[in-house]
């Protein structure tokens, strides 16, 4: 399997997690609309649905995370820890501005706000320093998929979850649709 094929599969997995998280809310509302007889079924489905996206993100081979509605980090997987040399106890309960250089934290906040505002999965290219908290560290481009993490009962956005793929990983092979997405993200960034 080529690097591009691997990246395409991972992007598809992240998009699937976002779709499942969004679709589960609709399913739960449909079940609950059927009446009290199925309410217990709906409650069990809600319990599973609320934890499913994080379970999948936990096992992603790429950096994945979840921030609450206030922007505080609530979950990072082991790939995130390895990629950014940040231990969970350093980040959980804190905001990006407490960990990252100001320009990086601002960039993250802007893309998070776009996802919150539109309420759908969105793709970005974000520049991240090699090591956290180093203003002059070289930056690497990451292809980032962010999606709203919704409460399965109410549909309200509880936070933002995401997965990141190093653009350098996708520099060989042929996956023109991914390259087009990256160009689109870069052009969108230039216009904002």
Protein backbone atom coordinates (compact mmCIF):
# COMPACT_ATOMS: atom_id res chain seq x y z
CA UNK A 1 0.00 0.00 0.00
CA UNK A 2 1.40 3.41 -0.95
CA UNK A 3 1.63 6.35 1.42
CA UNK A 4 -1.14 8.07 -0.52
CA UNK A 5 -3.39 5.03 -0.22
CA UNK A 6 -2.75 4.91 3.53
CA UNK A 7 -3.48 8.62 3.86
CA UNK A 8 -6.66 8.26 1.81
CA UNK A 9 -7.85 5.43 4.06
CA UNK A 10 -7.13 7.46 7.19
CA UNK A 11 -8.93 10.51 5.78
CA UNK A 12 -11.89 8.27 4.94
CA UNK A 13 -11.83 6.84 8.50
CA UNK A 14 -11.82 10.30 10.05
CA UNK A 15 -14.67 11.40 7.80
CA UNK A 16 -16.57 8.24 8.73
CA UNK A 17 -16.17 9.01 12.44
CA UNK A 18 -17.53 12.51 11.80
CA UNK A 19 -20.44 11.13 9.78
CA UNK A 20 -21.28 8.50 12.40
CA UNK A 21 -21.15 11.10 15.17
CA UNK A 22 -23.50 13.35 13.20
CA UNK A 23 -25.78 10.58 11.90
CA UNK A 24 -26.17 8.98 15.33
CA UNK A 25 -27.85 12.15 16.60
CA UNK A 26 -30.45 11.87 13.83
CA UNK A 27 -31.02 8.17 14.52
CA UNK A 28 -31.46 8.79 18.25
CA UNK A 29 -34.03 11.51 17.57
CA UNK A 30 -35.92 9.19 15.20
CA UNK A 31 -35.98 6.40 17.79
CA UNK A 32 -37.13 8.75 20.53
CA UNK A 33 -39.89 10.07 18.29
CA UNK A 34 -41.35 6.56 18.14
CA UNK A 35 -42.46 6.79 21.76
CA UNK A 36 -41.84 5.57 25.28
CA UNK A 37 -41.66 1.89 24.30
CA UNK A 38 -38.39 2.48 22.47
CA UNK A 39 -37.03 5.10 24.87
CA UNK A 40 -34.88 2.53 26.72
CA UNK A 41 -33.40 1.46 23.37
CA UNK A 42 -32.67 5.09 22.58
CA UNK A 43 -31.01 5.63 25.96
CA UNK A 44 -28.71 2.63 25.42
CA UNK A 45 -27.89 3.87 21.91
CA UNK A 46 -27.09 7.33 23.30
CA UNK A 47 -24.64 5.90 25.83
CA UNK A 48 -22.84 4.01 23.05
CA UNK A 49 -23.01 6.89 20.59
CA UNK A 50 -21.52 9.46 22.96
CA UNK A 51 -18.39 7.36 23.44
CA UNK A 52 -17.97 5.85 19.98
CA UNK A 53 -16.10 8.68 18.20
CA UNK A 54 -13.55 8.97 21.03
CA UNK A 55 -13.07 5.21 21.05
CA UNK A 56 -12.23 5.31 17.34
CA UNK A 57 -9.99 8.37 17.72
CA UNK A 58 -8.13 6.69 20.57
CA UNK A 59 -6.97 3.96 18.20
CA UNK A 60 -6.17 6.18 15.21
CA UNK A 61 -2.55 5.82 14.04
CA UNK A 62 -2.40 9.60 13.59
CA UNK A 63 -2.76 12.49 16.04
CA UNK A 64 -6.37 12.83 17.20
CA UNK A 65 -7.98 15.03 19.86
CA UNK A 66 -11.19 16.36 21.35
CA UNK A 67 -11.77 19.82 22.84
CA UNK A 68 -14.88 20.81 24.77
CA UNK A 69 -17.14 23.73 23.82
CA UNK A 70 -14.92 26.12 25.80
CA UNK A 71 -11.86 25.06 23.82
CA UNK A 72 -10.27 23.06 26.63
CA UNK A 73 -8.50 19.90 25.53
CA UNK A 74 -10.27 16.83 26.89
CA UNK A 75 -8.59 14.02 24.97
CA UNK A 76 -5.41 13.39 22.97
CA UNK A 77 -4.40 9.99 21.67
CA UNK A 78 -0.95 8.42 21.90
CA UNK A 79 -0.11 9.42 18.31
CA UNK A 80 -0.73 13.07 19.28
CA UNK A 81 1.60 12.67 22.25
CA UNK A 82 4.33 11.24 20.02
CA UNK A 83 3.92 13.73 17.17
CA UNK A 84 3.90 16.87 19.30
CA UNK A 85 5.85 15.73 22.37
CA UNK A 86 3.02 16.80 24.67
CA UNK A 87 1.89 14.49 27.46
CA UNK A 88 -1.85 14.32 28.22
CA UNK A 89 -1.33 15.65 31.75
CA UNK A 90 0.29 18.78 30.27
CA UNK A 91 -2.62 19.48 27.92
CA UNK A 92 -5.87 18.03 29.27
CA UNK A 93 -8.01 20.77 30.80
CA UNK A 94 -5.98 23.53 29.16
CA UNK A 95 -6.54 25.64 26.06
CA UNK A 96 -4.33 25.82 22.98
CA UNK A 97 -3.07 29.26 24.02
CA UNK A 98 -1.68 27.68 27.21
CA UNK A 99 0.44 25.21 25.21
CA UNK A 100 1.20 26.54 21.74
CA UNK A 101 2.86 29.76 20.49
CA UNK A 102 0.31 32.58 19.96
CA UNK A 103 0.17 32.33 16.15
CA UNK A 104 -0.36 28.57 16.29
CA UNK A 105 -3.05 28.83 18.99
CA UNK A 106 -4.84 31.55 17.00
CA UNK A 107 -4.75 29.40 13.86
CA UNK A 108 -6.27 26.46 15.78
CA UNK A 109 -8.98 28.70 17.32
CA UNK A 110 -9.97 30.09 13.91
CA UNK A 111 -10.45 26.67 12.37
CA UNK A 112 -12.30 25.42 15.48
CA UNK A 113 -14.61 28.46 15.25
CA UNK A 114 -15.35 27.72 11.60
CA UNK A 115 -16.35 24.16 12.45
CA UNK A 116 -18.54 25.37 15.35
CA UNK A 117 -20.13 28.02 13.16
CA UNK A 118 -20.91 25.74 10.22
CA UNK A 119 -21.58 22.63 12.33
CA UNK A 120 -20.01 20.25 9.80
CA UNK A 121 -16.77 18.41 9.15
CA UNK A 122 -14.17 20.71 7.64
CA UNK A 123 -10.63 20.22 6.30
CA UNK A 124 -7.72 22.59 6.88
CA UNK A 125 -3.99 22.82 6.36
CA UNK A 126 -2.40 24.07 9.58
CA UNK A 127 1.21 25.01 10.27
CA UNK A 128 2.49 23.51 13.53
CA UNK A 129 5.92 24.00 15.15
CA UNK A 130 8.17 20.95 15.45
CA UNK A 131 8.07 21.29 19.23
CA UNK A 132 5.43 22.89 21.42
CA UNK A 133 6.12 26.27 23.00
CA UNK A 134 8.96 27.27 20.68
CA UNK A 135 8.11 30.44 18.81
CA UNK A 136 11.02 30.09 16.40
CA UNK A 137 10.74 26.34 15.77
CA UNK A 138 10.38 25.27 12.14
CA UNK A 139 6.77 24.57 11.22
CA UNK A 140 5.32 21.54 9.50
CA UNK A 141 2.14 21.51 7.44
CA UNK A 142 -0.60 19.19 8.69
CA UNK A 143 -3.75 18.24 6.80
CA UNK A 144 -6.39 18.49 9.53
CA UNK A 145 -9.91 17.11 9.57
CA UNK A 146 -12.07 18.68 12.28
CA UNK A 147 -15.68 17.93 13.07
CA UNK A 148 -18.27 18.95 15.66
CA UNK A 149 -18.65 16.49 18.51
CA UNK A 150 -22.37 16.53 19.28
CA UNK A 151 -24.47 15.49 22.22
CA UNK A 152 -26.38 12.47 20.95
CA UNK A 153 -29.57 13.46 22.77
CA UNK A 154 -29.79 17.14 21.91
CA UNK A 155 -27.62 17.46 18.81
CA UNK A 156 -25.83 20.41 20.42
CA UNK A 157 -22.15 20.81 19.69
CA UNK A 158 -20.21 19.74 22.79
CA UNK A 159 -16.82 20.42 21.28
CA UNK A 160 -14.52 19.88 18.34
CA UNK A 161 -12.68 16.66 17.50
CA UNK A 162 -10.02 16.18 14.88
CA UNK A 163 -7.37 14.09 13.19
CA UNK A 164 -4.14 15.39 11.62
CA UNK A 165 -2.03 13.94 8.83
CA UNK A 166 1.46 15.33 8.11
CA UNK A 167 1.46 16.77 4.61
CA UNK A 168 5.00 15.42 4.20
CA UNK A 169 3.49 11.92 4.46
CA UNK A 170 1.44 12.66 1.38
CA UNK A 171 4.14 14.00 -0.93
CA UNK A 172 4.59 10.92 -3.07
CA UNK A 173 2.20 8.81 -5.08
CA UNK A 174 -1.00 9.85 -6.76
CA UNK A 175 -4.07 10.93 -4.90
CA UNK A 176 -5.08 13.99 -6.85
CA UNK A 177 -8.30 14.43 -4.88
CA UNK A 178 -6.31 14.80 -1.63
CA UNK A 179 -3.87 17.19 -3.32
CA UNK A 180 -6.84 19.21 -4.59
CA UNK A 181 -8.28 19.35 -1.04
CA UNK A 182 -4.93 20.60 0.29
CA UNK A 183 -4.72 23.28 -2.43
CA UNK A 184 -8.32 24.29 -1.66
CA UNK A 185 -7.51 24.61 2.05
CA UNK A 186 -4.39 26.66 1.32
CA UNK A 187 -6.30 28.97 -1.02
CA UNK A 188 -9.08 29.37 1.57
CA UNK A 189 -6.46 30.20 4.23
CA UNK A 190 -4.93 32.85 1.95
CA UNK A 191 -8.31 34.54 1.54
CA UNK A 192 -9.06 34.76 5.29
